[in-house]
Amino acid sequence: MLRSQKQANIRTAVHYTQENVITERCYLSHMARSHGLAGSITLDRFRRQTGLADLYWHALYFKVPGRDDDFRAYLADVDGFVFFMHGWTGSHRIWENLPVKLTGKHKNILVFNLDVNGFGQSPFLNSTPSAEQCSPPALMKSIELWLEAIGLWPPPVNRTRRPFYLFVGHSMSGAALFFKDTTGWANQPYALYALAPALFHNDAQRKAFFKTMGVSIGLPSFNTVKDALASRVIDLFGPGASPQVKNEHLRIYNQTPFGTLAQTLYLLGVTTDPPRRRDWHRFRVALGHKDRIVGMDNVLELLQGFNFKPSQIRLMQGDHYFFSYGEDSPPQHQANQKTIFNDLLRLCYELTREAGSR
């Protein structure tokens, strides 16, 4: 892949830390070789079913001072699991310090911050994945299979009580949450929080835009203008994001194969069957009022059709990255960041109580 020297040297490796919060960096392939995967799932099976060559994540947990328990001991004792999933040309880094702050505040959860859908350190086997491998529904299926592979679903048997599950997705991954399989989850404490979900079932203008952009990126001639358009594309997606998030998008944009960039973007605009979930009470959605990617009015209309209650929807002042704050970000983004953190913390406590009442 051709990259300009300037963009190839973009540095975004900011490592957020908090006292007593441990971060484990994990590859599914490493786990398969060292410990094996759960049940009947093998690395080959995971690759065949998802098209992914590997899956990378950070696992974060609070280590109580004076205790020598290892990661597996915490796995058996925590209240629940939280999963952060990024959007197009993103990675686990777009969440900045939110995962580590949440881990340090609740102290009895395991947080998983993932690279998904061919981006970051979770590439596809083929540079151009199939539609069945990288659409938003396929993204969610890959995460569900990963949960099985690492033994988090069905819930681990070596526990005294059920854990809760909280899925947090932005943009592309926010849309993926709407396609989560509900089989076997009826009595399981869980919730899904979609930030700026890229759902365009009733938005013909945006569907056409993403399809056209996807086709354009996939053309061989795009190679000559890719670098020149990079900053414009990223600014469209996150003009109010912090410099670190913008730089991370530029880095991922430049390291990702054309085929993956094109196909994942194109499929955001392709009309698929709408989500068929009947019960939406476990969902929360947050939208930015100046989001040029996700049209607030159209998504609100879609959610109304799903019978969402007003209490399930949060409208925020800001753009597609209304939860990211840094130099040149709109001032309201800083307040939004705190609000989203408080929402997630409250959901963790509510789900902990729900799990304990069963």
Protein backbone atom coordinates (compact mmCIF):
# COMPACT_ATOMS: atom_id res chain seq x y z
CA MET A 1 0.00 0.00 0.00
CA LEU A 2 1.35 3.43 -0.91
CA ARG A 3 1.47 5.88 1.98
CA SER A 4 2.97 9.31 2.32
CA GLN A 5 5.90 9.51 4.73
CA LYS A 6 4.06 12.11 6.78
CA GLN A 7 0.99 9.92 7.26
CA ALA A 8 3.02 6.74 7.73
CA ASN A 9 4.72 8.32 10.74
CA ILE A 10 1.56 9.41 12.54
CA ARG A 11 1.93 8.58 16.22
CA THR A 12 -1.13 7.86 18.35
CA ALA A 13 0.22 5.38 20.90
CA VAL A 14 -1.11 7.13 23.99
CA HIS A 15 -1.32 4.56 26.78
CA TYR A 16 -3.87 5.49 29.41
CA THR A 17 -3.22 4.16 32.89
CA GLN A 18 -4.83 4.34 36.30
CA GLU A 19 -3.53 3.11 39.63
CA ASN A 20 -4.24 -0.61 40.17
CA VAL A 21 -5.88 -1.06 36.75
CA ILE A 22 -4.16 -3.86 34.84
CA THR A 23 -4.26 -4.04 31.04
CA GLU A 24 -3.68 -7.36 29.29
CA ARG A 25 -3.03 -7.21 25.52
CA CYS A 26 -4.47 -10.26 23.81
CA TYR A 27 -4.63 -11.92 20.40
CA LEU A 28 -7.06 -14.75 19.75
CA SER A 29 -4.30 -16.59 17.86
CA HIS A 30 -1.98 -16.39 20.89
CA MET A 31 -4.72 -17.68 23.17
CA ALA A 32 -5.44 -20.56 20.78
CA ARG A 33 -1.78 -21.61 20.77
CA SER A 34 -1.14 -21.24 24.51
CA HIS A 35 -4.43 -22.27 26.15
CA GLY A 36 -6.75 -23.46 23.40
CA LEU A 37 -10.19 -22.02 22.72
CA ALA A 38 -13.42 -22.93 24.46
CA GLY A 39 -15.79 -25.70 23.44
CA SER A 40 -15.57 -26.93 19.87
CA ILE A 41 -14.22 -23.65 18.53
CA THR A 42 -10.77 -23.68 16.96
CA LEU A 43 -8.83 -20.83 15.43
CA ASP A 44 -9.45 -22.32 11.99
CA ARG A 45 -13.18 -22.45 12.64
CA PHE A 46 -13.17 -18.84 13.85
CA ARG A 47 -11.30 -17.76 10.73
CA ARG A 48 -13.61 -19.67 8.39
CA GLN A 49 -16.78 -18.29 9.94
CA THR A 50 -15.68 -14.67 10.34
CA GLY A 51 -13.08 -14.19 7.60
CA LEU A 52 -10.81 -12.58 10.21
CA ALA A 53 -7.17 -13.59 10.40
CA ASP A 54 -7.08 -12.67 14.09
CA LEU A 55 -8.85 -10.64 16.75
CA TYR A 56 -7.06 -8.27 19.12
CA TRP A 57 -8.27 -6.72 22.36
CA HIS A 58 -7.27 -5.15 25.64
CA ALA A 59 -8.63 -6.77 28.80
CA LEU A 60 -8.72 -4.43 31.78
CA TYR A 61 -9.39 -5.25 35.43
CA PHE A 62 -8.82 -3.69 38.83
CA LYS A 63 -6.21 -5.51 40.90
CA VAL A 64 -6.96 -5.15 44.60
CA PRO A 65 -3.77 -4.15 46.44
CA GLY A 66 -2.38 -7.05 48.46
CA ARG A 67 -4.19 -9.76 46.49
CA ASP A 68 -2.25 -12.10 44.25
CA ASP A 69 -5.18 -13.35 42.16
CA ASP A 70 -4.40 -13.70 38.48
CA PHE A 71 -6.60 -12.79 35.52
CA ARG A 72 -8.51 -16.10 35.57
CA ALA A 73 -9.37 -15.68 39.24
CA TYR A 74 -10.83 -12.25 38.49
CA LEU A 75 -12.74 -13.74 35.57
CA ALA A 76 -14.59 -16.05 37.96
CA ASP A 77 -15.44 -13.36 40.49
CA VAL A 78 -16.31 -10.12 38.66
CA ASP A 79 -19.82 -8.69 38.49
CA GLY A 80 -19.83 -8.52 34.71
CA PHE A 81 -18.17 -7.77 31.40
CA VAL A 82 -18.10 -4.58 29.31
CA PHE A 83 -17.19 -4.60 25.60
CA PHE A 84 -16.10 -1.50 23.66
CA MET A 85 -16.37 -1.66 19.85
CA HIS A 86 -15.22 1.14 17.51
CA GLY A 87 -16.41 2.43 14.13
CA TRP A 88 -15.07 2.62 10.55
CA THR A 89 -11.28 3.22 10.34
CA GLY A 90 -11.12 3.16 14.12
CA SER A 91 -9.41 0.96 16.68
CA HIS A 92 -9.56 0.34 20.42
CA ARG A 93 -7.72 3.67 20.86
CA ILE A 94 -10.68 5.85 19.85
CA TRP A 95 -12.19 5.29 23.30
CA GLU A 96 -9.15 7.05 24.83
CA ASN A 97 -9.25 6.78 28.65
CA LEU A 98 -12.93 5.77 28.98
CA PRO A 99 -12.29 1.99 29.43
CA VAL A 100 -9.57 2.46 32.05
CA LYS A 101 -11.63 5.05 33.95
CA LEU A 102 -14.66 2.77 34.01
CA THR A 103 -12.54 -0.15 35.25
CA GLY A 104 -11.01 1.95 37.99
CA LYS A 105 -14.34 3.33 39.15
CA HIS A 106 -16.45 0.17 39.31
CA LYS A 107 -13.51 -2.06 40.41
CA ASN A 108 -15.34 -5.36 39.95
CA ILE A 109 -15.80 -5.62 36.19
CA LEU A 110 -13.74 -6.90 33.29
CA VAL A 111 -13.53 -4.47 30.37
CA PHE A 112 -12.69 -5.63 26.86
CA ASN A 113 -11.63 -2.98 24.34
CA LEU A 114 -11.51 -4.52 20.88
CA ASP A 115 -10.22 -3.96 17.35
CA VAL A 116 -13.01 -5.15 15.05
CA ASN A 117 -14.09 -5.74 11.44
CA GLY A 118 -10.71 -5.73 9.70
CA PHE A 119 -9.30 -2.61 11.38
CA GLY A 120 -6.34 -2.18 13.70
CA GLN A 121 -4.81 -5.50 14.68
CA SER A 122 -7.85 -7.57 13.66
CA PRO A 123 -7.36 -7.88 9.87
CA PHE A 124 -9.32 -9.99 7.46
CA LEU A 125 -7.68 -12.96 5.76
CA ASN A 126 -8.50 -11.41 2.38
CA SER A 127 -7.83 -7.75 1.66
CA THR A 128 -11.37 -7.49 0.28
CA PRO A 129 -13.73 -9.36 2.59
CA SER A 130 -17.12 -10.56 1.43
CA ALA A 131 -20.35 -8.81 2.36
CA GLU A 132 -21.22 -11.80 4.53
CA GLN A 133 -18.05 -11.19 6.54
CA CYS A 134 -17.96 -7.44 7.18
CA SER A 135 -21.50 -6.03 7.22
CA PRO A 136 -22.78 -4.71 10.58
CA PRO A 137 -24.72 -7.98 11.21
CA ALA A 138 -21.56 -9.96 10.39
CA LEU A 139 -19.52 -7.77 12.74
CA MET A 140 -21.87 -8.65 15.59
CA LYS A 141 -21.76 -12.35 14.74
CA SER A 142 -17.96 -12.30 14.87
CA ILE A 143 -18.08 -10.80 18.38
CA GLU A 144 -20.60 -13.41 19.49
CA LEU A 145 -18.37 -16.20 18.17
CA TRP A 146 -15.37 -14.60 19.90
CA LEU A 147 -17.31 -14.61 23.19
CA GLU A 148 -17.78 -18.35 22.78
CA ALA A 149 -14.16 -18.87 21.76
CA ILE A 150 -12.76 -17.26 24.92
CA GLY A 151 -15.30 -18.92 27.20
CA LEU A 152 -17.39 -15.90 28.16
CA TRP A 153 -20.59 -17.22 26.58
CA PRO A 154 -22.45 -19.21 27.77
CA PRO A 155 -21.51 -17.73 31.17
CA PRO A 156 -18.54 -19.46 32.80
CA VAL A 157 -19.67 -22.35 34.99
CA ASN A 158 -17.12 -21.70 37.74
CA ARG A 159 -19.12 -18.79 39.12
CA THR A 160 -21.42 -18.41 42.10
CA ARG A 161 -23.75 -16.03 40.22
CA ARG A 162 -24.45 -14.86 36.70
CA PRO A 163 -22.35 -12.06 35.25
CA PHE A 164 -23.83 -9.14 33.33
CA TYR A 165 -22.83 -8.14 29.79
CA LEU A 166 -22.69 -4.54 28.53
CA PHE A 167 -21.95 -3.90 24.84
CA VAL A 168 -20.87 -0.39 23.82
CA GLY A 169 -20.58 0.43 20.12
CA HIS A 170 -19.84 3.58 18.15
CA SER A 171 -21.00 4.30 14.57
CA MET A 172 -20.46 1.11 12.51
CA SER A 173 -20.34 -0.97 15.71
CA GLY A 174 -23.27 0.95 17.13
CA ALA A 175 -25.28 -0.26 14.14
CA ALA A 176 -23.95 -3.80 14.65
CA LEU A 177 -25.43 -3.92 18.16
CA PHE A 178 -28.92 -3.75 16.68
CA PHE A 179 -28.33 -7.16 15.09
CA LYS A 180 -27.27 -8.99 18.23
CA ASP A 181 -28.69 -12.51 18.44
CA THR A 182 -31.12 -12.84 21.35
CA THR A 183 -31.15 -16.65 21.43
CA GLY A 184 -30.46 -17.82 24.96
CA TRP A 185 -30.27 -14.29 26.38
CA ALA A 186 -33.84 -13.89 27.65
CA ASN A 187 -32.92 -14.39 31.32
CA GLN A 188 -29.42 -12.93 31.10
CA PRO A 189 -28.68 -9.46 32.54
CA TYR A 190 -27.29 -7.41 29.67
CA ALA A 191 -27.54 -4.05 27.93
CA LEU A 192 -26.43 -2.40 24.70
CA TYR A 193 -25.40 1.25 24.37
CA ALA A 194 -25.10 2.53 20.79
CA LEU A 195 -23.34 5.86 20.27
CA ALA A 196 -24.15 7.52 16.92
CA PRO A 197 -25.25 4.20 15.34
CA ALA A 198 -24.78 4.17 11.56
CA LEU A 199 -28.28 2.92 10.78
CA PHE A 200 -29.58 4.16 7.42
CA HIS A 201 -32.58 1.95 6.67
CA ASN A 202 -34.84 4.98 6.22
CA ASP A 203 -32.19 7.44 4.97
CA ALA A 204 -31.90 7.22 1.17
CA GLN A 205 -29.47 10.16 0.91
CA ARG A 206 -26.90 8.69 3.30
CA LYS A 207 -27.28 5.21 1.87
CA ALA A 208 -26.40 6.58 -1.55
CA PHE A 209 -23.46 8.54 -0.15
CA PHE A 210 -21.86 5.55 1.58
CA LYS A 211 -22.40 3.27 -1.40
CA THR A 212 -20.79 5.82 -3.71
CA MET A 213 -17.87 6.39 -1.34
CA GLY A 214 -17.34 2.67 -0.96
CA VAL A 215 -17.31 2.10 -4.71
CA SER A 216 -14.93 5.03 -5.23
CA ILE A 217 -12.44 3.82 -2.64
CA GLY A 218 -12.48 0.38 -4.23
CA LEU A 219 -11.46 1.66 -7.67
CA PRO A 220 -7.76 1.16 -8.60
CA SER A 221 -7.49 4.82 -9.57
CA PHE A 222 -8.28 5.81 -5.97
CA ASN A 223 -4.74 4.83 -4.98
CA THR A 224 -3.37 8.04 -6.49
CA VAL A 225 -5.62 10.32 -4.42
CA LYS A 226 -5.98 8.29 -1.23
CA ASP A 227 -3.42 10.29 0.76
CA ALA A 228 -4.74 13.62 -0.50
CA LEU A 229 -8.29 12.76 0.58
CA ALA A 230 -7.37 11.18 3.90
CA SER A 231 -7.66 14.27 6.08
CA ARG A 232 -10.90 15.32 4.36
CA VAL A 233 -12.50 11.91 4.88
CA ILE A 234 -11.46 11.76 8.53
CA ASP A 235 -12.58 15.32 9.19
CA LEU A 236 -15.99 14.42 7.81
CA PHE A 237 -16.26 11.57 10.29
CA GLY A 238 -14.97 13.35 13.38
CA PRO A 239 -14.40 17.10 13.10
CA GLY A 240 -14.91 17.60 16.84
CA ALA A 241 -12.85 14.65 17.99
CA SER A 242 -9.64 15.08 19.94
CA PRO A 243 -6.36 15.27 17.96
CA GLN A 244 -5.47 11.81 19.25
CA VAL A 245 -8.67 10.28 17.83
CA LYS A 246 -8.26 12.08 14.49
CA ASN A 247 -4.66 10.90 14.21
CA GLU A 248 -5.68 7.36 15.04
CA HIS A 249 -8.26 7.41 12.24
CA LEU A 250 -5.59 8.66 9.84
CA ARG A 251 -3.21 5.92 10.95
CA ILE A 252 -5.79 3.15 10.55
CA TYR A 253 -7.03 4.60 7.27
CA ASN A 254 -3.53 4.43 5.82
CA GLN A 255 -2.66 0.95 7.05
CA THR A 256 -5.94 -0.73 6.04
CA PRO A 257 -6.24 -2.45 2.63
CA PHE A 258 -8.36 -0.62 0.05
CA GLY A 259 -10.71 -3.59 -0.17
CA THR A 260 -11.52 -3.51 3.53
CA LEU A 261 -11.97 0.27 3.54
CA ALA A 262 -14.26 0.12 0.52
CA GLN A 263 -16.34 -2.91 1.42
CA THR A 264 -17.06 -1.95 5.03
CA LEU A 265 -18.04 1.58 3.99
CA TYR A 266 -20.14 0.40 1.04
CA LEU A 267 -22.07 -2.03 3.24
CA LEU A 268 -23.13 0.78 5.57
CA GLY A 269 -25.14 2.11 2.65
CA VAL A 270 -26.51 -1.16 1.32
CA THR A 271 -30.12 -1.82 2.22
CA THR A 272 -30.35 -4.89 4.42
CA ASP A 273 -33.27 -6.37 6.28
CA PRO A 274 -33.96 -4.14 9.28
CA PRO A 275 -33.26 -5.52 12.75
CA ARG A 276 -35.99 -7.96 13.74
CA ARG A 277 -35.68 -7.73 17.48
CA ARG A 278 -39.04 -7.52 19.24
CA ASP A 279 -37.96 -6.25 22.62
CA TRP A 280 -35.74 -3.15 22.68
CA HIS A 281 -35.86 -2.31 26.38
CA ARG A 282 -32.21 -3.29 26.92
CA PHE A 283 -31.01 -0.66 24.43
CA ARG A 284 -29.74 2.86 25.02
CA VAL A 285 -28.82 5.23 22.18
CA ALA A 286 -26.94 8.55 22.20
CA LEU A 287 -26.98 10.93 19.22
CA GLY A 288 -25.16 14.15 18.36
CA HIS A 289 -27.28 17.04 17.08
CA LYS A 290 -24.64 18.11 14.48
CA ASP A 291 -23.64 14.64 13.33
CA ARG A 292 -23.05 14.80 9.54
CA ILE A 293 -22.62 11.03 9.32
CA VAL A 294 -25.71 9.94 11.23
CA GLY A 295 -28.82 12.01 10.61
CA MET A 296 -30.45 12.57 13.97
CA ASP A 297 -33.98 13.02 12.62
CA ASN A 298 -33.85 9.85 10.54
CA VAL A 299 -32.48 7.72 13.37
CA LEU A 300 -35.08 9.11 15.77
CA GLU A 301 -37.79 8.15 13.31
CA LEU A 302 -36.32 4.67 13.02
CA LEU A 303 -36.12 4.26 16.79
CA GLN A 304 -39.70 5.46 17.12
CA GLY A 305 -40.68 2.67 14.74
CA PHE A 306 -38.94 0.24 17.10
CA ASN A 307 -41.02 1.66 19.98
CA PHE A 308 -38.06 3.11 21.85
CA LYS A 309 -39.06 5.16 24.87
CA PRO A 310 -37.72 8.73 25.31
CA SER A 311 -35.78 7.55 28.38
CA GLN A 312 -33.76 5.22 26.14
CA ILE A 313 -32.49 8.01 23.89
CA ARG A 314 -30.01 10.73 24.77
CA LEU A 315 -29.64 13.75 22.48
CA MET A 316 -26.34 15.56 22.88
CA GLN A 317 -24.83 18.78 21.55
CA GLY A 318 -22.01 17.74 19.27
CA ASP A 319 -21.02 15.84 16.16
CA HIS A 320 -20.20 12.20 15.35
CA TYR A 321 -17.60 12.16 18.13
CA PHE A 322 -19.64 14.02 20.72
CA PHE A 323 -17.92 11.99 23.48
CA SER A 324 -14.33 12.92 22.47
CA TYR A 325 -12.78 16.11 23.79
CA GLY A 326 -9.45 17.75 23.14
CA GLU A 327 -7.82 20.79 21.58
CA ASP A 328 -10.28 22.54 19.20
CA SER A 329 -13.18 20.26 20.22
CA PRO A 330 -16.53 21.93 20.94
CA PRO A 331 -16.70 22.73 24.67
CA GLN A 332 -19.88 20.68 25.05
CA HIS A 333 -17.93 17.54 24.13
CA GLN A 334 -16.21 17.65 27.52
CA ALA A 335 -19.55 17.58 29.34
CA ASN A 336 -20.76 14.86 26.97
CA GLN A 337 -17.74 12.74 27.83
CA LYS A 338 -18.66 12.87 31.50
CA THR A 339 -22.29 12.11 30.73
CA ILE A 340 -21.45 9.01 28.69
CA PHE A 341 -19.10 7.80 31.43
CA ASN A 342 -21.83 8.27 34.05
CA ASP A 343 -24.35 6.47 31.82
CA LEU A 344 -22.03 3.48 31.49
CA LEU A 345 -21.25 3.40 35.19
CA ARG A 346 -24.95 3.57 36.05
CA LEU A 347 -25.70 0.73 33.62
CA CYS A 348 -22.98 -1.38 35.25
CA TYR A 349 -24.51 -0.85 38.70
CA GLU A 350 -28.06 -1.50 37.45
CA LEU A 351 -26.98 -4.70 35.74
CA THR A 352 -25.04 -5.79 38.82
CA ARG A 353 -28.20 -5.43 40.90
CA GLU A 354 -30.22 -7.28 38.27
CA ALA A 355 -27.74 -10.14 38.24
CA GLY A 356 -27.80 -10.34 42.04
CA SER A 357 -31.59 -10.47 42.20
CA ARG A 358 -31.79 -13.70 40.21
